[in-house]
Structures are given as structure tokens and as C-alpha cells.
Amino acid sequence: MSTTYPWPEPPEHEKLIVRLSPGDRDDSTPPNVAVVEWSGERFAGIRPATEDESRLAPGDPMVFATPGLFDVQINGYWGRGFKDVDLGPEGIRDLCWSIALSGTTQFLPTITTDAPETMYDAMVNVATACRAYPDVAAMVAGIHQEGPWISPVDGARGAHPLAHVAAPDISEFTRFQAAAEQRITMLTVAPEVEGALDLIKEVASHGVVVCLGHHQADGETIRQAVEAGARSVTHLGNGCHTVMPRHPNLLWEQAAEDRLYASIIADGQHLPPATAKVFYRAKPKDRLILVSDAISMAGAPPGLYRVREAIAELTAEGRFGYYQSPMLMGAAMALARCLANMVRFVDEGRTPAAYVKHATEVPGTLMGLPQITSTLGAPGTYATLVVWRWDRETPDLVPQRIVIRGRTVYDTETQPTEVPFGRLAPKADIDR
């Protein structure tokens, strides 16, 4: 049975009194309270709240508002994955709503290495859902194709199946792009693979953002890829060998290449906090992007599960990996929680508000989407925002209200929209 989602006509005019950053009640500085207004789908502007209006701000000082987050790498969430071709367009809609209700209001569905027909059918599913549902079209900002033109070598290949890793093929990309109805806007490749530099040059010439990932390229090859048109690095620090020379190596080469944007998975599992802090400081602040890289198990309850022939463990801290092994099986945190982690990891900003640009404006600029900004209420931009509660202990950011293009689609008190959980891997009952 299909789920009904709130996507009414946007209001003629609406305003909201919000705090722009969280803070304790005994802060020496006054709370940063503003009135944000919108008409239809777009913001009309933002202004400081008057003294009387400030009294109407949420009483909890940990409640504040930001633009909706933008994730350029997400494979699935809440029991569904973008490669689950049996979902059909309706199931893709459920998946998109589950992501949006986590506070990530725009994203690039990520289609990873698989059998060509599976990847093709996944592209068709996303494109069809975008045509069928205007709400999905508002959330999906493009498609990220990650593979199959990556390194076949263990370590660099990561969890991508070796059987489907292939040599770069521009005709295959053209076929995938047709299936996606021209929605592929990001492509991850390994630049050292034969034919990759020609592919990068061709694909980049059509406006697709090419990223380097799951590779073992040396510094010279990385520079050649940048000259050919590569613009970013996919999950810097992951998708590479666990053991490599101290220097030079691809981590330092990519961190030092200022022309390259770089995304990181700040879940505390894929990168130790110190590594995330070093990458944050190494890249120019307008080049560092936060991603979730979440898989379908993200949002599932902690426990032991049977995944294929293995036993996996999902912990309360969001670690999803092989049971009693250091090997991960995927990312299982929403982008909002990665953002919250940055306060502890980097220790340069007192609140998550200091890092919001890395999950909004920076990826928006990379993708050529000026509507995605870190400036809440910028006149003429889409009226998309999230009112969060910052849980400093977990840490986490919990949505209290979500507005997408002027429409309130979630409110904890008046409109608690829910998406049924999708498929859960079978539980594993073992003696510990």
C-alpha cells in the first residue's frame, strides 16, 4: 500500500521565528534570533527579530535553524537502496522521503558498481520517480555514478564487487546517461586505469563533475586527471589501501591539490577524528564537503544481522561492520549526525552551525547549484530549511520541523510524517 506524503501547494506567505545558532541560556551574548519569511516556494528575506518577536523563539536554546542539507553521496537509507531495482518509482519515493526526513533535503542518489543492467535499471527507477513525483524531483539534484571504472585492486576497490569492475567505456556512460534522462551529474573513476583520462576529459566537457575515488594513482596521474577535468575526490581517506608509503602517497597528493574539492565521511568510523581534523585543515574551506555515504542499513536498530554469508554488527554509535572484525561494511549515519560530529572532531566552532556550509554551500557550488546556500533566507532561493535540536551528548542533530520549497513536510508536534522502514537484514542469533 502506498504512503501518502504532504506535498500541498506552497503558502502565499509564511514566516518563522528561528534561532540561527544554538547556545546555552547563560551565554554572555544574546541569542541570535531572526524572522525568516517566504512566499510560495521562495524566500522573501530574513531580518533580526524584534524584542517582542524574540520571546516567541523556541524556549529550548539548543533548537536552531539552517538551510536543508545536501548530500552528494548516499546509497540508501531506512531499509532501502537506490540499486534495489524491485522498489520501482514508488519505492524510490519512499526512500527519498526517508532521507529528507533526516534533514537532508537534497541529495545525489548514488549508483555504485554492479552488473551493467542493474545499474541501468537503477538509473531508470530514479529518473522515472523524478518524472512521476514533483516532490522527488525537488529532492533529487542529480545522480552520482560511482564505478564501475575504478581500480580492480583489493583495498583500493573497497566493497565494490570485482566481477563488475570494468575498463572505462564512454559508450556505456552514454547509455547510463540516457537511462538516467541526463541526470548523472557526478562520476567517480580511478584515474590510473587505462582509458580513464580520456573518459574524464569527455565526460567533464559535458558538465559532469568527475571525482577521483577507489584508486591508487600517483601524484603525477592525479595532476593529469585534474588537467583533464577532474574536480573532486570521493570520500578522501577511504577507498584506498590500508598500508601505503608514509610519503609520497595519494592522501597527501589529493589533500594538497587545491584545485580539487574533497568529500569526507565524518561518521567517526570511516575516519578517526584526528584524520578528519587534518583533512579539514588541509583543504581550503571552500573545498571540503561532508557526505554520509549511507547504505540501506542506516537508521536500522543496533544489533547483529546476517548479510550474505557474513554476520554484521550495527552499533549504537553507527558502526556497521563485520562482527568482531575491524572491517566495515558501509556507512550507517545520516549526514546530520556527521555534521554534529564536526564540533568534537575539529574543535574550531562551538556549534554545528559553524560547519553547515560543508553540507550545503560547498557541495552546492561544486555542483553548480547556487540555490543551495548556507545563508538561511537568502531572497529568491528556495524556501527550504530545517529546525534542529542539537543533542551535544550523542552528538546528533534531530529535526523538529522541515520545510521544502515553502511546504512544511514535517513537524514533531503537528505533522509527524513517517516512512515505514523498508527491508531489514535477518537478525543473527549467536551466543556471545
Protein backbone atom coordinates (compact mmCIF):
# COMPACT_ATOMS: atom_id res chain seq x y z
CA MET A 1 0.00 0.00 0.00
CA SER A 2 1.38 3.39 -0.97
CA THR A 3 2.23 6.00 1.66
CA THR A 4 0.72 9.47 1.45
CA TYR A 5 3.19 12.31 1.78
CA PRO A 6 2.43 16.01 2.44
CA TRP A 7 3.14 17.96 -0.74
CA PRO A 8 0.44 20.67 -0.90
CA GLU A 9 0.58 23.92 -2.81
CA PRO A 10 3.07 26.24 -1.09
CA PRO A 11 1.62 29.02 1.08
CA GLU A 12 1.16 32.53 -0.29
CA HIS A 13 3.12 33.89 2.66
CA GLU A 14 4.59 32.43 5.81
CA LYS A 15 7.13 33.43 8.42
CA LEU A 16 9.02 31.67 11.15
CA ILE A 17 10.94 32.95 14.17
CA VAL A 18 14.14 30.97 14.50
CA ARG A 19 17.44 30.89 16.33
CA LEU A 20 20.38 30.89 13.89
CA SER A 21 22.73 29.00 16.20
CA PRO A 22 22.25 27.05 19.42
CA GLY A 23 23.51 28.33 22.75
CA ASP A 24 23.10 27.91 26.46
CA ARG A 25 20.75 30.19 28.30
CA ASP A 26 23.63 31.66 30.32
CA ASP A 27 25.63 32.67 27.25
CA SER A 28 27.10 36.15 27.61
CA THR A 29 25.96 37.03 24.07
CA PRO A 30 22.26 37.48 23.25
CA PRO A 31 20.57 34.69 21.28
CA ASN A 32 20.78 35.12 17.53
CA VAL A 33 17.07 35.22 16.71
CA ALA A 34 15.69 36.14 13.30
CA VAL A 35 12.44 36.18 11.35
CA VAL A 36 12.59 34.29 8.08
CA GLU A 37 9.78 34.82 5.55
CA TRP A 38 8.78 33.17 2.32
CA SER A 39 6.15 33.47 -0.40
CA GLY A 40 5.29 30.40 -2.39
CA GLU A 41 8.41 28.28 -2.94
CA ARG A 42 11.00 31.02 -2.38
CA PHE A 43 12.36 33.05 0.48
CA ALA A 44 11.33 36.69 0.65
CA GLY A 45 14.09 37.52 3.13
CA ILE A 46 15.34 37.37 6.68
CA ARG A 47 15.66 40.07 9.35
CA PRO A 48 16.61 40.34 13.03
CA ALA A 49 13.73 39.65 15.37
CA THR A 50 12.35 42.44 17.50
CA GLU A 51 12.48 42.10 21.26
CA ASP A 52 8.84 41.00 21.34
CA GLU A 53 9.39 38.52 18.49
CA SER A 54 12.46 37.10 20.20
CA ARG A 55 10.28 36.00 23.10
CA LEU A 56 8.43 33.72 20.66
CA ALA A 57 11.58 31.82 19.68
CA PRO A 58 11.74 28.17 20.84
CA GLY A 59 12.35 28.03 24.56
CA ASP A 60 14.98 25.31 24.20
CA PRO A 61 18.29 27.08 23.44
CA MET A 62 19.54 24.00 21.57
CA VAL A 63 16.86 24.48 18.88
CA PHE A 64 18.07 26.39 15.82
CA ALA A 65 17.54 26.54 12.04
CA THR A 66 19.71 26.04 8.97
CA PRO A 67 19.12 25.51 5.27
CA GLY A 68 18.35 21.88 4.42
CA LEU A 69 21.44 19.72 3.98
CA PHE A 70 22.79 18.49 0.61
CA ASP A 71 24.43 15.05 0.34
CA VAL A 72 26.32 14.25 -2.87
CA GLN A 73 26.90 10.61 -1.90
CA ILE A 74 24.13 8.48 -0.46
CA ASN A 75 23.41 4.89 -1.49
CA GLY A 76 20.35 4.23 0.62
CA TYR A 77 18.62 4.74 3.94
CA TRP A 78 15.95 3.34 6.22
CA GLY A 79 15.89 -0.17 4.71
CA ARG A 80 16.02 0.77 1.03
CA GLY A 81 18.78 1.30 -1.51
CA PHE A 82 18.88 3.10 -4.84
CA LYS A 83 20.08 -0.12 -6.51
CA ASP A 84 17.07 -2.08 -5.22
CA VAL A 85 15.55 -2.21 -8.69
CA ASP A 86 12.44 -4.04 -7.46
CA LEU A 87 11.44 -0.91 -5.49
CA GLY A 88 10.10 0.76 -8.61
CA PRO A 89 9.39 4.52 -8.67
CA GLU A 90 7.05 4.33 -5.68
CA GLY A 91 9.71 2.68 -3.54
CA ILE A 92 12.24 5.26 -4.67
CA ARG A 93 9.82 7.90 -3.45
CA ASP A 94 9.67 6.24 -0.03
CA LEU A 95 13.48 6.18 0.05
CA CYS A 96 13.73 9.85 -0.89
CA TRP A 97 11.28 10.86 1.81
CA SER A 98 13.13 8.86 4.45
CA ILE A 99 16.30 10.77 3.56
CA ALA A 100 14.51 14.14 3.53
CA LEU A 101 13.01 13.47 6.95
CA SER A 102 16.54 13.08 8.33
CA GLY A 103 17.15 16.73 7.37
CA THR A 104 18.95 16.05 4.08
CA THR A 105 16.51 17.80 1.79
CA GLN A 106 18.52 17.44 -1.44
CA PHE A 107 20.91 14.72 -2.49
CA LEU A 108 22.51 12.75 -5.31
CA PRO A 109 21.26 9.15 -5.32
CA THR A 110 24.44 7.13 -5.69
CA ILE A 111 24.57 4.12 -8.01
CA THR A 112 27.65 2.02 -7.33
CA THR A 113 29.46 -0.71 -9.27
CA ASP A 114 27.21 -3.59 -10.22
CA ALA A 115 26.10 -5.58 -13.23
CA PRO A 116 25.53 -3.10 -16.09
CA GLU A 117 21.83 -3.94 -16.32
CA THR A 118 21.36 -3.43 -12.58
CA MET A 119 22.99 -0.02 -12.79
CA TYR A 120 20.92 0.81 -15.88
CA ASP A 121 17.64 -0.23 -14.23
CA ALA A 122 18.54 1.75 -11.09
CA MET A 123 19.07 4.87 -13.21
CA VAL A 124 15.68 4.30 -14.89
CA ASN A 125 13.97 3.95 -11.50
CA VAL A 126 15.32 7.26 -10.21
CA ALA A 127 14.54 9.11 -13.44
CA THR A 128 11.00 7.70 -13.56
CA ALA A 129 10.36 8.68 -9.94
CA CYS A 130 11.53 12.22 -10.68
CA ARG A 131 9.08 12.47 -13.59
CA ALA A 132 6.20 10.92 -11.67
CA TYR A 133 6.51 12.82 -8.40
CA PRO A 134 7.29 16.56 -8.13
CA ASP A 135 8.34 16.08 -4.51
CA VAL A 136 11.02 13.57 -5.57
CA ALA A 137 12.17 15.93 -8.34
CA ALA A 138 12.61 18.66 -5.70
CA MET A 139 14.82 16.37 -3.59
CA VAL A 140 16.94 14.69 -6.28
CA ALA A 141 19.57 17.15 -7.53
CA GLY A 142 21.20 14.63 -9.88
CA ILE A 143 22.70 11.14 -9.80
CA HIS A 144 26.18 10.16 -8.63
CA GLN A 145 27.58 7.22 -10.61
CA GLU A 146 30.35 5.62 -8.53
CA GLY A 147 32.05 2.97 -10.68
CA PRO A 148 32.40 0.58 -12.39
CA TRP A 149 35.51 2.29 -13.82
CA ILE A 150 37.58 2.04 -10.66
CA SER A 151 40.67 0.13 -9.54
CA PRO A 152 40.29 -3.67 -9.56
CA VAL A 153 42.92 -3.98 -6.82
CA ASP A 154 41.89 -5.12 -3.36
CA GLY A 155 41.91 -2.24 -0.89
CA ALA A 156 41.51 0.50 -3.45
CA ARG A 157 38.39 -1.21 -4.79
CA GLY A 158 36.74 -1.16 -1.36
CA ALA A 159 33.44 -3.01 -1.21
CA HIS A 160 32.78 -2.74 -4.94
CA PRO A 161 32.40 -6.24 -6.46
CA LEU A 162 35.43 -7.25 -8.53
CA ALA A 163 33.28 -9.16 -11.01
CA HIS A 164 31.70 -5.92 -12.21
CA VAL A 165 34.72 -3.59 -12.22
CA ALA A 166 35.34 -2.68 -15.87
CA ALA A 167 37.54 -0.66 -18.19
CA PRO A 168 36.32 2.90 -18.91
CA ASP A 169 33.74 2.94 -21.68
CA ILE A 170 32.28 6.21 -22.94
CA SER A 171 29.56 4.41 -24.88
CA GLU A 172 28.45 2.70 -21.66
CA PHE A 173 28.37 6.04 -19.88
CA THR A 174 26.23 7.44 -22.70
CA ARG A 175 23.84 4.50 -22.25
CA PHE A 176 23.64 5.06 -18.49
CA GLN A 177 23.11 8.79 -19.03
CA ALA A 178 20.22 8.06 -21.40
CA ALA A 179 18.66 5.73 -18.80
CA ALA A 180 19.02 8.49 -16.21
CA GLU A 181 17.44 11.01 -18.60
CA GLN A 182 20.62 13.14 -18.40
CA ARG A 183 20.55 13.25 -14.59
CA ILE A 184 24.05 11.86 -13.98
CA THR A 185 25.86 14.93 -12.68
CA MET A 186 28.72 13.28 -10.77
CA LEU A 187 31.01 10.38 -11.76
CA THR A 188 33.68 8.69 -9.65
CA VAL A 189 36.57 7.00 -11.51
CA ALA A 190 40.11 5.74 -10.90
CA PRO A 191 42.42 7.97 -12.97
CA GLU A 192 45.26 5.45 -13.33
CA VAL A 193 43.11 2.86 -15.15
CA GLU A 194 43.84 2.71 -18.87
CA GLY A 195 41.45 5.00 -20.77
CA ALA A 196 40.34 6.91 -17.65
CA LEU A 197 41.96 10.23 -18.57
CA ASP A 198 40.20 10.26 -21.94
CA LEU A 199 36.92 9.41 -20.22
CA ILE A 200 37.42 12.21 -17.68
CA LYS A 201 38.05 14.74 -20.43
CA GLU A 202 34.99 13.69 -22.43
CA VAL A 203 32.57 13.45 -19.52
CA ALA A 204 33.76 16.70 -17.92
CA SER A 205 33.26 18.52 -21.22
CA HIS A 206 29.53 17.82 -20.85
CA GLY A 207 29.32 19.41 -17.41
CA VAL A 208 29.51 16.25 -15.30
CA VAL A 209 31.55 16.66 -12.10
CA VAL A 210 34.27 14.00 -12.21
CA CYS A 211 35.67 12.73 -8.90
CA LEU A 212 38.72 10.62 -8.15
CA GLY A 213 37.95 7.63 -5.98
CA HIS A 214 38.73 3.96 -5.35
CA HIS A 215 42.11 4.38 -6.97
CA GLN A 216 45.86 4.06 -6.38
CA ALA A 217 47.12 6.86 -8.63
CA ASP A 218 50.43 8.59 -8.04
CA GLY A 219 50.84 12.35 -7.81
CA GLU A 220 51.58 12.87 -11.50
CA THR A 221 48.49 10.90 -12.56
CA ILE A 222 46.35 12.89 -10.12
CA ARG A 223 47.63 16.12 -11.65
CA GLN A 224 46.93 14.79 -15.16
CA ALA A 225 43.38 13.93 -14.08
CA VAL A 226 42.86 17.45 -12.76
CA GLU A 227 44.15 18.88 -16.05
CA ALA A 228 41.72 16.59 -17.89
CA GLY A 229 38.80 17.99 -15.87
CA ALA A 230 38.55 16.09 -12.55
CA ARG A 231 37.25 18.41 -9.83
CA SER A 232 36.83 16.45 -6.61
CA VAL A 233 37.86 13.45 -4.50
CA THR A 234 35.30 10.89 -3.36
CA HIS A 235 35.50 10.12 0.39
CA LEU A 236 39.12 11.16 0.93
CA GLY A 237 40.88 8.65 3.20
CA ASN A 238 38.66 5.74 2.17
CA GLY A 239 38.61 3.56 -0.93
CA CYS A 240 42.40 3.20 -0.77
CA HIS A 241 44.99 0.77 0.53
CA THR A 242 45.19 0.36 4.29
CA VAL A 243 49.00 0.30 4.09
CA MET A 244 50.98 2.70 1.88
CA PRO A 245 54.26 4.67 1.95
CA ARG A 246 54.41 7.44 4.54
CA HIS A 247 55.15 9.89 1.72
CA PRO A 248 54.51 10.47 -1.01
CA ASN A 249 51.08 8.85 -1.19
CA LEU A 250 47.70 9.63 -2.68
CA LEU A 251 46.27 11.02 0.57
CA TRP A 252 48.77 13.87 0.75
CA GLU A 253 48.70 14.45 -3.02
CA GLN A 254 44.92 14.88 -3.02
CA ALA A 255 44.80 16.88 0.20
CA ALA A 256 47.48 19.24 -1.16
CA GLU A 257 45.89 19.70 -4.59
CA ASP A 258 43.94 22.92 -4.00
CA ARG A 259 42.09 22.61 -7.30
CA LEU A 260 40.35 19.50 -6.02
CA TYR A 261 37.33 19.55 -3.74
CA ALA A 262 37.29 16.61 -1.34
CA SER A 263 34.48 14.86 0.49
CA ILE A 264 34.92 13.07 3.81
CA ILE A 265 32.73 10.68 5.79
CA ALA A 266 32.76 12.20 9.28
CA ASP A 267 30.93 9.36 11.00
CA GLY A 268 33.83 8.57 13.34
CA GLN A 269 34.08 5.10 11.80
CA HIS A 270 35.45 5.66 8.29
CA LEU A 271 37.94 8.26 9.50
CA PRO A 272 39.34 8.67 13.02
CA PRO A 273 38.51 12.11 14.41
CA ALA A 274 42.14 13.24 14.15
CA THR A 275 42.24 12.32 10.44
CA ALA A 276 39.03 14.23 9.77
CA LYS A 277 40.52 17.23 11.58
CA VAL A 278 43.72 17.10 9.49
CA PHE A 279 41.77 16.89 6.22
CA TYR A 280 39.54 19.77 7.33
CA ARG A 281 42.58 21.93 7.96
CA ALA A 282 44.46 20.78 4.83
CA LYS A 283 41.76 21.60 2.27
CA PRO A 284 40.69 25.17 1.57
CA LYS A 285 37.48 25.83 3.48
CA ASP A 286 35.59 26.28 0.21
CA ARG A 287 36.70 22.81 -0.95
CA LEU A 288 35.80 20.47 1.95
CA ILE A 289 32.50 18.57 1.66
CA LEU A 290 30.70 16.38 4.20
CA VAL A 291 28.94 13.27 2.88
CA SER A 292 27.15 10.38 4.56
CA ASP A 293 27.80 7.60 2.00
CA ALA A 294 24.93 5.93 3.86
CA ILE A 295 23.67 2.48 2.87
CA SER A 296 20.25 0.91 3.33
CA MET A 297 21.08 -0.24 6.88
CA ALA A 298 21.38 3.38 8.03
CA GLY A 299 18.60 4.03 10.53
CA ALA A 300 18.19 0.37 11.49
CA PRO A 301 18.23 -0.60 15.18
CA PRO A 302 21.57 -1.72 16.63
CA GLY A 303 22.19 -5.47 16.64
CA LEU A 304 23.66 -8.44 14.81
CA TYR A 305 22.46 -9.17 11.29
CA ARG A 306 23.09 -11.79 8.61
CA VAL A 307 24.36 -10.11 5.44
CA ARG A 308 25.02 -12.52 2.62
CA GLU A 309 27.24 -15.21 4.19
CA ALA A 310 28.57 -12.99 6.97
CA ILE A 311 27.46 -11.74 10.37
CA ALA A 312 27.39 -7.96 10.63
CA GLU A 313 27.10 -5.73 13.68
CA LEU A 314 25.44 -2.33 13.78
CA THR A 315 26.36 -0.46 16.95
CA ALA A 316 24.56 2.38 18.69
CA GLU A 317 27.49 4.58 17.62
CA GLY A 318 26.62 3.95 13.96
CA ARG A 319 29.39 1.48 13.13
CA PHE A 320 28.28 -1.17 10.62
CA GLY A 321 30.89 -3.84 10.02
CA TYR A 322 31.80 -7.50 10.18
CA TYR A 323 31.20 -8.93 13.63
CA GLN A 324 34.35 -8.99 15.78
CA SER A 325 36.38 -7.56 12.90
CA PRO A 326 37.82 -4.10 12.14
CA MET A 327 36.42 -4.30 8.58
CA LEU A 328 33.49 -2.00 7.82
CA MET A 329 30.55 -2.97 5.59
CA GLY A 330 29.26 0.52 4.88
CA ALA A 331 28.24 3.82 6.43
CA ALA A 332 25.17 3.93 8.63
CA MET A 333 24.79 7.54 9.77
CA ALA A 334 22.69 10.36 8.36
CA LEU A 335 24.55 13.45 7.14
CA ALA A 336 23.14 15.45 10.07
CA ARG A 337 24.99 13.27 12.55
CA CYS A 338 28.23 13.63 10.57
CA LEU A 339 27.74 17.39 10.76
CA ALA A 340 27.21 17.22 14.51
CA ASN A 341 30.43 15.20 14.85
CA MET A 342 32.50 18.02 13.39
CA VAL A 343 32.19 20.06 16.58
CA ARG A 344 34.05 17.37 18.52
CA PHE A 345 36.40 16.35 15.70
CA VAL A 346 37.64 19.79 14.65
CA ASP A 347 37.08 21.91 17.76
CA GLU A 348 37.18 25.19 15.84
CA GLY A 349 33.49 26.09 16.09
CA ARG A 350 31.37 25.89 19.21
CA THR A 351 28.27 24.56 17.46
CA PRO A 352 27.29 22.65 14.28
CA ALA A 353 26.24 25.97 12.74
CA ALA A 354 29.95 26.68 12.15
CA TYR A 355 30.21 23.71 9.74
CA VAL A 356 26.89 23.89 7.90
CA LYS A 357 28.49 25.29 4.74
CA HIS A 358 30.30 21.98 4.22
CA ALA A 359 26.96 20.21 3.88
CA THR A 360 25.19 22.95 1.90
CA GLU A 361 27.01 25.72 0.09
CA VAL A 362 30.32 23.99 -0.68
CA PRO A 363 28.78 20.94 -2.40
CA GLY A 364 26.18 23.22 -4.00
CA THR A 365 28.94 25.34 -5.52
CA LEU A 366 30.77 22.25 -6.80
CA MET A 367 27.59 21.02 -8.47
CA GLY A 368 26.75 24.42 -9.96
CA LEU A 369 23.64 24.83 -7.81
CA PRO A 370 23.67 28.38 -6.39
CA GLN A 371 20.23 27.79 -4.85
CA ILE A 372 21.93 25.54 -2.29
CA THR A 373 23.47 28.02 0.12
CA SER A 374 24.48 28.22 3.74
CA THR A 375 22.70 31.56 4.07
CA LEU A 376 19.26 30.95 5.50
CA GLY A 377 16.52 33.09 3.97
CA ALA A 378 18.52 34.48 1.03
CA PRO A 379 15.87 36.26 -1.10
CA GLY A 380 14.92 34.33 -4.22
CA THR A 381 16.38 31.00 -3.10
CA TYR A 382 14.14 28.02 -2.43
CA ALA A 383 12.42 28.21 0.95
CA THR A 384 13.98 25.02 2.30
CA LEU A 385 15.04 24.84 5.93
CA VAL A 386 15.35 22.53 8.89
CA VAL A 387 14.75 23.43 12.51
CA TRP A 388 17.02 21.17 14.55
CA ARG A 389 17.59 20.25 18.16
CA TRP A 390 21.29 19.82 18.87
CA ASP A 391 21.97 16.83 21.10
CA ARG A 392 25.51 17.55 22.26
CA GLU A 393 25.99 14.27 24.10
CA THR A 394 25.32 11.79 21.29
CA PRO A 395 26.17 14.03 19.31
CA ASP A 396 23.31 14.41 16.84
CA LEU A 397 21.02 16.88 15.13
CA VAL A 398 17.36 15.93 15.41
CA PRO A 399 14.83 17.59 13.05
CA GLN A 400 11.96 19.44 14.73
CA ARG A 401 10.48 20.98 11.59
CA ILE A 402 11.32 20.57 7.90
CA VAL A 403 10.24 22.94 5.14
CA ILE A 404 10.93 22.07 1.50
CA ARG A 405 10.22 24.71 -1.13
CA GLY A 406 7.84 26.53 1.19
CA ARG A 407 5.92 23.42 2.26
CA THR A 408 6.10 22.18 5.83
CA VAL A 409 6.59 18.45 5.34
CA TYR A 410 7.42 17.55 8.94
CA ASP A 411 6.76 18.95 12.40
CA THR A 412 7.37 16.98 15.57
CA GLU A 413 4.17 18.24 17.17
CA THR A 414 1.69 18.96 14.39
CA GLN A 415 2.83 16.91 11.39
CA PRO A 416 4.98 13.90 12.40
CA THR A 417 5.35 12.47 8.89
CA GLU A 418 6.73 8.93 8.88
CA VAL A 419 8.08 6.49 6.30
CA PRO A 420 7.67 2.76 7.00
CA PHE A 421 11.04 1.04 7.38
CA GLY A 422 11.98 -0.98 4.32
CA ARG A 423 13.71 -4.34 4.35
CA LEU A 424 15.75 -5.28 7.38
CA ALA A 425 18.51 -7.87 7.09
CA PRO A 426 17.73 -11.05 9.08
CA LYS A 427 18.76 -10.91 12.71
CA ALA A 428 21.68 -13.12 13.70
CA ASP A 429 21.17 -15.04 16.94
CA ILE A 430 24.52 -16.19 18.29
CA ASP A 431 26.00 -16.86 21.68
CA ARG A 432 28.30 -14.05 22.73
